[in-house]
């Protein structure tokens, strides 16, 4: 099991085997996702936005700007 120590500045050094497994290097971004109270998952955020294309399949219905604005207005009115 890989371990790391937290410094007084709140920093850690990610062990080399973890960096290699995640494919991260200096300057790459990572995310901490809470999966349960007190438990987090450490994820490499190295994918480009282009890699997300097609992730959710084809869109079912085109939505116009007017429809989006109307939905935002309805939600804003309901929040008051």
PDB file of N, CA and C in Angstrom:
ATOM      1  N   UNK A   1       0.845  -1.170   0.000  1.00  0.00           N
ATOM      2  CA  UNK A   1       0.000   0.000   0.000  1.00  0.00           C
ATOM      3  C   UNK A   1       0.894   1.236   0.000  1.00  0.00           C
ATOM      4  N   UNK A   2       0.567   2.197  -0.881  1.00  0.00           N
ATOM      5  CA  UNK A   2       1.323   3.441  -0.947  1.00  0.00           C
ATOM      6  C   UNK A   2       0.802   4.412   0.116  1.00  0.00           C
ATOM      7  N   UNK A   3       1.704   5.115   0.773  1.00  0.00           N
ATOM      8  CA  UNK A   3       1.317   6.095   1.790  1.00  0.00           C
ATOM      9  C   UNK A   3       2.056   7.402   1.536  1.00  0.00           C
ATOM     10  N   UNK A   4       1.519   8.476   2.102  1.00  0.00           N
ATOM     11  CA  UNK A   4       2.144   9.793   1.992  1.00  0.00           C
ATOM     12  C   UNK A   4       1.925  10.520   3.311  1.00  0.00           C
ATOM     13  N   UNK A   5       2.750  11.526   3.566  1.00  0.00           N
ATOM     14  CA  UNK A   5       2.655  12.313   4.789  1.00  0.00           C
ATOM     15  C   UNK A   5       2.228  13.730   4.442  1.00  0.00           C
ATOM     16  N   UNK A   6       1.283  14.258   5.204  1.00  0.00           N
ATOM     17  CA  UNK A   6       0.800  15.620   5.025  1.00  0.00           C
ATOM     18  C   UNK A   6       1.766  16.592   5.691  1.00  0.00           C
ATOM     19  N   UNK A   7       2.186  17.642   4.955  1.00  0.00           N
ATOM     20  CA  UNK A   7       3.090  18.635   5.533  1.00  0.00           C
ATOM     21  C   UNK A   7       2.287  19.685   6.304  1.00  0.00           C
ATOM     22  N   UNK A   8       2.985  20.551   7.007  1.00  0.00           N
ATOM     23  CA  UNK A   8       2.313  21.622   7.751  1.00  0.00           C
ATOM     24  C   UNK A   8       1.613  22.602   6.818  1.00  0.00           C
ATOM     25  N   UNK A   9       1.995  22.629   5.553  1.00  0.00           N
ATOM     26  CA  UNK A   9       1.352  23.490   4.559  1.00  0.00           C
ATOM     27  C   UNK A   9       0.173  22.798   3.874  1.00  0.00           C
ATOM     28  N   UNK A  10      -0.157  21.584   4.289  1.00  0.00           N
ATOM     29  CA  UNK A  10      -1.277  20.855   3.695  1.00  0.00           C
ATOM     30  C   UNK A  10      -0.937  20.179   2.380  1.00  0.00           C
ATOM     31  N   UNK A  11       0.336  19.935   2.139  1.00  0.00           N
ATOM     32  CA  UNK A  11       0.771  19.317   0.890  1.00  0.00           C
ATOM     33  C   UNK A  11       1.186  17.869   1.122  1.00  0.00           C
ATOM     34  N   UNK A  12       1.052  17.070   0.059  1.00  0.00           N
ATOM     35  CA  UNK A  12       1.552  15.691   0.094  1.00  0.00           C
ATOM     36  C   UNK A  12       2.332  15.431  -1.183  1.00  0.00           C
ATOM     37  N   UNK A  13       3.233  14.479  -1.122  1.00  0.00           N
ATOM     38  CA  UNK A  13       3.913  13.995  -2.314  1.00  0.00           C
ATOM     39  C   UNK A  13       3.249  12.682  -2.685  1.00  0.00           C
ATOM     40  N   UNK A  14       2.715  12.629  -3.896  1.00  0.00           N
ATOM     41  CA  UNK A  14       2.039  11.409  -4.353  1.00  0.00           C
ATOM     42  C   UNK A  14       3.117  10.396  -4.716  1.00  0.00           C
ATOM     43  N   UNK A  15       3.055   9.203  -4.149  1.00  0.00           N
ATOM     44  CA  UNK A  15       4.077   8.190  -4.426  1.00  0.00           C
ATOM     45  C   UNK A  15       4.202   7.906  -5.930  1.00  0.00           C
ATOM     46  N   UNK A  16       5.407   7.614  -6.371  1.00  0.00           N
ATOM     47  CA  UNK A  16       5.692   7.426  -7.791  1.00  0.00           C
ATOM     48  C   UNK A  16       4.820   6.339  -8.415  1.00  0.00           C
ATOM     49  N   UNK A  17       4.550   5.251  -7.686  1.00  0.00           N
ATOM     50  CA  UNK A  17       3.739   4.180  -8.274  1.00  0.00           C
ATOM     51  C   UNK A  17       2.289   4.622  -8.487  1.00  0.00           C
ATOM     52  N   UNK A  18       1.798   5.510  -7.640  1.00  0.00           N
ATOM     53  CA  UNK A  18       0.431   6.042  -7.802  1.00  0.00           C
ATOM     54  C   UNK A  18       0.395   7.003  -8.989  1.00  0.00           C
ATOM     55  N   UNK A  19       1.404   7.879  -9.089  1.00  0.00           N
ATOM     56  CA  UNK A  19       1.476   8.804 -10.229  1.00  0.00           C
ATOM     57  C   UNK A  19       1.547   8.035 -11.538  1.00  0.00           C
ATOM     58  N   UNK A  20       2.342   6.984 -11.568  1.00  0.00           N
ATOM     59  CA  UNK A  20       2.484   6.192 -12.792  1.00  0.00           C
ATOM     60  C   UNK A  20       1.174   5.503 -13.148  1.00  0.00           C
ATOM     61  N   UNK A  21       0.509   4.962 -12.157  1.00  0.00           N
ATOM     62  CA  UNK A  21      -0.758   4.263 -12.393  1.00  0.00           C
ATOM     63  C   UNK A  21      -1.833   5.209 -12.917  1.00  0.00           C
ATOM     64  N   UNK A  22      -1.866   6.430 -12.380  1.00  0.00           N
ATOM     65  CA  UNK A  22      -2.859   7.418 -12.816  1.00  0.00           C
ATOM     66  C   UNK A  22      -2.443   8.135 -14.093  1.00  0.00           C
ATOM     67  N   UNK A  23      -1.181   8.039 -14.453  1.00  0.00           N
ATOM     68  CA  UNK A  23      -0.694   8.724 -15.646  1.00  0.00           C
ATOM     69  C   UNK A  23      -0.605  10.225 -15.459  1.00  0.00           C
ATOM     70  N   UNK A  24      -0.281  10.659 -14.238  1.00  0.00           N
ATOM     71  CA  UNK A  24      -0.159  12.094 -13.970  1.00  0.00           C
ATOM     72  C   UNK A  24       1.306  12.473 -13.798  1.00  0.00           C
ATOM     73  N   UNK A  25       1.571  13.743 -14.101  1.00  0.00           N
ATOM     74  CA  UNK A  25       2.922  14.268 -13.995  1.00  0.00           C
ATOM     75  C   UNK A  25       2.836  15.673 -13.423  1.00  0.00           C
ATOM     76  N   UNK A  26       3.957  16.299 -13.197  1.00  0.00           N
ATOM     77  CA  UNK A  26       3.996  17.653 -12.636  1.00  0.00           C
ATOM     78  C   UNK A  26       3.119  18.586 -13.459  1.00  0.00           C
ATOM     79  N   UNK A  27       2.282  19.351 -12.783  1.00  0.00           N
ATOM     80  CA  UNK A  27       1.411  20.306 -13.450  1.00  0.00           C
ATOM     81  C   UNK A  27       0.036  19.769 -13.802  1.00  0.00           C
ATOM     82  N   UNK A  28      -0.151  18.446 -13.754  1.00  0.00           N
ATOM     83  CA  UNK A  28      -1.463  17.863 -14.047  1.00  0.00           C
ATOM     84  C   UNK A  28      -2.426  18.143 -12.906  1.00  0.00           C
ATOM     85  N   UNK A  29      -3.709  18.168 -13.217  1.00  0.00           N
ATOM     86  CA  UNK A  29      -4.731  18.408 -12.210  1.00  0.00           C
ATOM     87  C   UNK A  29      -5.303  17.076 -11.715  1.00  0.00           C
ATOM     88  N   UNK A  30      -5.693  17.052 -10.463  1.00  0.00           N
ATOM     89  CA  UNK A  30      -6.364  15.894  -9.883  1.00  0.00           C
ATOM     90  C   UNK A  30      -7.603  16.388  -9.148  1.00  0.00           C
ATOM     91  N   UNK A  31      -8.560  15.501  -8.960  1.00  0.00           N
ATOM     92  CA  UNK A  31      -9.795  15.837  -8.257  1.00  0.00           C
ATOM     93  C   UNK A  31      -9.961  14.912  -7.062  1.00  0.00           C
ATOM     94  N   UNK A  32     -10.571  15.437  -6.015  1.00  0.00           N
ATOM     95  CA  UNK A  32     -10.922  14.649  -4.847  1.00  0.00           C
ATOM     96  C   UNK A  32     -12.442  14.591  -4.814  1.00  0.00           C
ATOM     97  N   UNK A  33     -13.009  13.401  -4.988  1.00  0.00           N
ATOM     98  CA  UNK A  33     -14.450  13.229  -5.053  1.00  0.00           C
ATOM     99  C   UNK A  33     -14.908  12.485  -3.805  1.00  0.00           C
ATOM    100  N   UNK A  34     -15.846  13.084  -3.060  1.00  0.00           N
ATOM    101  CA  UNK A  34     -16.357  12.432  -1.855  1.00  0.00           C
ATOM    102  C   UNK A  34     -17.296  11.303  -2.264  1.00  0.00           C
ATOM    103  N   UNK A  35     -16.959  10.089  -1.887  1.00  0.00           N
ATOM    104  CA  UNK A  35     -17.782   8.931  -2.241  1.00  0.00           C
ATOM    105  C   UNK A  35     -18.631   8.457  -1.066  1.00  0.00           C
ATOM    106  N   UNK A  36     -18.289   8.876   0.116  1.00  0.00           N
ATOM    107  CA  UNK A  36     -19.047   8.594   1.340  1.00  0.00           C
ATOM    108  C   UNK A  36     -18.529   9.575   2.388  1.00  0.00           C
ATOM    109  N   UNK A  37     -19.292   9.813   3.442  1.00  0.00           N
ATOM    110  CA  UNK A  37     -18.802  10.732   4.471  1.00  0.00           C
ATOM    111  C   UNK A  37     -17.421  10.301   4.992  1.00  0.00           C
ATOM    112  N   UNK A  38     -16.459  11.195   4.848  1.00  0.00           N
ATOM    113  CA  UNK A  38     -15.107  10.896   5.319  1.00  0.00           C
ATOM    114  C   UNK A  38     -14.280  10.043   4.379  1.00  0.00           C
ATOM    115  N   UNK A  39     -14.802   9.698   3.190  1.00  0.00           N
ATOM    116  CA  UNK A  39     -14.063   8.876   2.214  1.00  0.00           C
ATOM    117  C   UNK A  39     -14.024   9.602   0.878  1.00  0.00           C
ATOM    118  N   UNK A  40     -12.831   9.729   0.332  1.00  0.00           N
ATOM    119  CA  UNK A  40     -12.644  10.431  -0.929  1.00  0.00           C
ATOM    120  C   UNK A  40     -11.945   9.546  -1.940  1.00  0.00           C
ATOM    121  N   UNK A  41     -12.241   9.805  -3.202  1.00  0.00           N
ATOM    122  CA  UNK A  41     -11.574   9.126  -4.301  1.00  0.00           C
ATOM    123  C   UNK A  41     -10.681  10.147  -4.987  1.00  0.00           C
ATOM    124  N   UNK A  42      -9.489   9.769  -5.305  1.00  0.00           N
ATOM    125  CA  UNK A  42      -8.481  10.632  -5.920  1.00  0.00           C
ATOM    126  C   UNK A  42      -8.454  10.300  -7.409  1.00  0.00           C
ATOM    127  N   UNK A  43      -8.794  11.269  -8.271  1.00  0.00           N
ATOM    128  CA  UNK A  43      -8.956  11.011  -9.697  1.00  0.00           C
ATOM    129  C   UNK A  43      -8.089  11.968 -10.505  1.00  0.00           C
ATOM    130  N   UNK A  44      -7.414  11.431 -11.521  1.00  0.00           N
ATOM    131  CA  UNK A  44      -6.649  12.282 -12.437  1.00  0.00           C
ATOM    132  C   UNK A  44      -7.631  13.028 -13.327  1.00  0.00           C
ATOM    133  N   UNK A  45      -7.491  14.340 -13.395  1.00  0.00           N
ATOM    134  CA  UNK A  45      -8.368  15.173 -14.227  1.00  0.00           C
ATOM    135  C   UNK A  45      -7.585  15.600 -15.461  1.00  0.00           C
ATOM    136  N   UNK A  46      -7.083  14.632 -16.199  1.00  0.00           N
ATOM    137  CA  UNK A  46      -6.200  14.931 -17.322  1.00  0.00           C
ATOM    138  C   UNK A  46      -6.889  14.822 -18.675  1.00  0.00           C
ATOM    139  N   UNK A  47      -8.142  14.358 -18.698  1.00  0.00           N
ATOM    140  CA  UNK A  47      -8.833  14.242 -19.979  1.00  0.00           C
ATOM    141  C   UNK A  47      -9.217  15.615 -20.512  1.00  0.00           C
ATOM    142  N   UNK A  48      -9.134  15.776 -21.818  1.00  0.00           N
ATOM    143  CA  UNK A  48      -9.569  17.036 -22.408  1.00  0.00           C
ATOM    144  C   UNK A  48     -11.090  16.996 -22.565  1.00  0.00           C
ATOM    145  N   UNK A  49     -11.672  18.138 -22.755  1.00  0.00           N
ATOM    146  CA  UNK A  49     -13.117  18.234 -22.935  1.00  0.00           C
ATOM    147  C   UNK A  49     -13.542  17.467 -24.182  1.00  0.00           C
ATOM    148  N   UNK A  50     -12.701  17.437 -25.167  1.00  0.00           N
ATOM    149  CA  UNK A  50     -13.017  16.734 -26.413  1.00  0.00           C
ATOM    150  C   UNK A  50     -13.233  15.246 -26.162  1.00  0.00           C
ATOM    151  N   UNK A  51     -12.539  14.683 -25.181  1.00  0.00           N
ATOM    152  CA  UNK A  51     -12.687  13.260 -24.867  1.00  0.00           C
ATOM    153  C   UNK A  51     -14.075  12.936 -24.328  1.00  0.00           C
ATOM    154  N   UNK A  52     -14.805  13.941 -23.869  1.00  0.00           N
ATOM    155  CA  UNK A  52     -16.142  13.718 -23.327  1.00  0.00           C
ATOM    156  C   UNK A  52     -17.205  13.590 -24.412  1.00  0.00           C
ATOM    157  N   UNK A  53     -16.880  13.986 -25.640  1.00  0.00           N
ATOM    158  CA  UNK A  53     -17.841  13.947 -26.733  1.00  0.00           C
ATOM    159  C   UNK A  53     -18.379  12.532 -26.923  1.00  0.00           C
ATOM    160  N   UNK A  54     -19.698  12.419 -26.986  1.00  0.00           N
ATOM    161  CA  UNK A  54     -20.342  11.133 -27.194  1.00  0.00           C
ATOM    162  C   UNK A  54     -20.524  10.305 -25.945  1.00  0.00           C
ATOM    163  N   UNK A  55     -20.085  10.796 -24.804  1.00  0.00           N
ATOM    164  CA  UNK A  55     -20.162  10.033 -23.563  1.00  0.00           C
ATOM    165  C   UNK A  55     -21.600   9.691 -23.183  1.00  0.00           C
ATOM    166  N   UNK A  56     -22.533  10.573 -23.502  1.00  0.00           N
ATOM    167  CA  UNK A  56     -23.919  10.372 -23.101  1.00  0.00           C
ATOM    168  C   UNK A  56     -24.820   9.969 -24.259  1.00  0.00           C
ATOM    169  N   UNK A  57     -24.251   9.593 -25.374  1.00  0.00           N
ATOM    170  CA  UNK A  57     -25.048   9.183 -26.522  1.00  0.00           C
ATOM    171  C   UNK A  57     -25.580  10.391 -27.276  1.00  0.00           C
ATOM    172  N   UNK A  58     -26.454  10.095 -28.212  1.00  0.00           N
ATOM    173  CA  UNK A  58     -27.022  11.165 -29.020  1.00  0.00           C
ATOM    174  C   UNK A  58     -28.047  11.947 -28.214  1.00  0.00           C
ATOM    175  N   UNK A  59     -28.132  13.234 -28.512  1.00  0.00           N
ATOM    176  CA  UNK A  59     -29.139  14.036 -27.826  1.00  0.00           C
ATOM    177  C   UNK A  59     -30.516  13.659 -28.355  1.00  0.00           C
ATOM    178  N   UNK A  60     -31.478  13.713 -27.488  1.00  0.00           N
ATOM    179  CA  UNK A  60     -32.829  13.300 -27.858  1.00  0.00           C
ATOM    180  C   UNK A  60     -33.594  14.406 -28.558  1.00  0.00           C
ATOM    181  N   UNK A  61     -33.436  15.636 -28.082  1.00  0.00           N
ATOM    182  CA  UNK A  61     -34.206  16.747 -28.616  1.00  0.00           C
ATOM    183  C   UNK A  61     -33.350  18.008 -28.536  1.00  0.00           C
ATOM    184  N   UNK A  62     -33.340  18.753 -29.620  1.00  0.00           N
ATOM    185  CA  UNK A  62     -32.603  20.016 -29.619  1.00  0.00           C
ATOM    186  C   UNK A  62     -33.348  21.016 -28.733  1.00  0.00           C
ATOM    187  N   UNK A  63     -32.580  21.793 -27.971  1.00  0.00           N
ATOM    188  CA  UNK A  63     -33.163  22.796 -27.090  1.00  0.00           C
ATOM    189  C   UNK A  63     -32.692  24.160 -27.570  1.00  0.00           C
ATOM    190  N   UNK A  64     -33.645  25.063 -27.779  1.00  0.00           N
ATOM    191  CA  UNK A  64     -33.297  26.399 -28.256  1.00  0.00           C
ATOM    192  C   UNK A  64     -32.853  27.279 -27.093  1.00  0.00           C
ATOM    193  N   UNK A  65     -32.214  28.385 -27.435  1.00  0.00           N
ATOM    194  CA  UNK A  65     -31.794  29.360 -26.422  1.00  0.00           C
ATOM    195  C   UNK A  65     -33.028  29.901 -25.695  1.00  0.00           C
ATOM    196  N   UNK A  66     -34.104  30.140 -26.429  1.00  0.00           N
ATOM    197  CA  UNK A  66     -35.342  30.648 -25.813  1.00  0.00           C
ATOM    198  C   UNK A  66     -35.886  29.649 -24.792  1.00  0.00           C
ATOM    199  N   UNK A  67     -35.839  28.355 -25.126  1.00  0.00           N
ATOM    200  CA  UNK A  67     -36.294  27.324 -24.182  1.00  0.00           C
ATOM    201  C   UNK A  67     -35.413  27.298 -22.934  1.00  0.00           C
ATOM    202  N   UNK A  68     -34.099  27.433 -23.122  1.00  0.00           N
ATOM    203  CA  UNK A  68     -33.185  27.453 -21.984  1.00  0.00           C
ATOM    204  C   UNK A  68     -33.455  28.652 -21.089  1.00  0.00           C
ATOM    205  N   UNK A  69     -33.630  29.829 -21.703  1.00  0.00           N
ATOM    206  CA  UNK A  69     -33.920  31.039 -20.923  1.00  0.00           C
ATOM    207  C   UNK A  69     -35.231  30.907 -20.155  1.00  0.00           C
ATOM    208  N   UNK A  70     -36.242  30.308 -20.775  1.00  0.00           N
ATOM    209  CA  UNK A  70     -37.532  30.116 -20.101  1.00  0.00           C
ATOM    210  C   UNK A  70     -37.379  29.175 -18.908  1.00  0.00           C
ATOM    211  N   UNK A  71     -36.605  28.114 -19.068  1.00  0.00           N
ATOM    212  CA  UNK A  71     -36.379  27.172 -17.967  1.00  0.00           C
ATOM    213  C   UNK A  71     -35.638  27.851 -16.820  1.00  0.00           C
ATOM    214  N   UNK A  72     -34.655  28.682 -17.140  1.00  0.00           N
ATOM    215  CA  UNK A  72     -33.907  29.409 -16.112  1.00  0.00           C
ATOM    216  C   UNK A  72     -34.828  30.371 -15.381  1.00  0.00           C
ATOM    217  N   UNK A  73     -35.684  31.065 -16.123  1.00  0.00           N
ATOM    218  CA  UNK A  73     -36.614  32.017 -15.512  1.00  0.00           C
ATOM    219  C   UNK A  73     -37.601  31.302 -14.589  1.00  0.00           C
ATOM    220  N   UNK A  74     -38.111  30.137 -15.033  1.00  0.00           N
ATOM    221  CA  UNK A  74     -39.049  29.362 -14.187  1.00  0.00           C
ATOM    222  C   UNK A  74     -38.362  28.924 -12.910  1.00  0.00           C
ATOM    223  N   UNK A  75     -37.162  28.438 -13.004  1.00  0.00           N
ATOM    224  CA  UNK A  75     -36.429  27.974 -11.823  1.00  0.00           C
ATOM    225  C   UNK A  75     -36.110  29.128 -10.885  1.00  0.00           C
ATOM    226  N   UNK A  76     -35.746  30.283 -11.457  1.00  0.00           N
ATOM    227  CA  UNK A  76     -35.461  31.451 -10.638  1.00  0.00           C
ATOM    228  C   UNK A  76     -36.699  31.944  -9.910  1.00  0.00           C
ATOM    229  N   UNK A  77     -37.847  31.906 -10.585  1.00  0.00           N
ATOM    230  CA  UNK A  77     -39.099  32.354  -9.963  1.00  0.00           C
ATOM    231  C   UNK A  77     -39.512  31.396  -8.841  1.00  0.00           C
ATOM    232  N   UNK A  78     -39.242  30.106  -9.037  1.00  0.00           N
ATOM    233  CA  UNK A  78     -39.619  29.112  -8.021  1.00  0.00           C
ATOM    234  C   UNK A  78     -38.737  29.224  -6.775  1.00  0.00           C
ATOM    235  N   UNK A  79     -37.535  29.749  -6.929  1.00  0.00           N
ATOM    236  CA  UNK A  79     -36.593  29.845  -5.810  1.00  0.00           C
ATOM    237  C   UNK A  79     -36.897  31.010  -4.888  1.00  0.00           C
ATOM    238  N   UNK A  80     -37.730  31.937  -5.332  1.00  0.00           N
ATOM    239  CA  UNK A  80     -38.020  33.137  -4.525  1.00  0.00           C
ATOM    240  C   UNK A  80     -38.987  32.871  -3.434  1.00  0.00           C
TER     241      UNK A  80
END
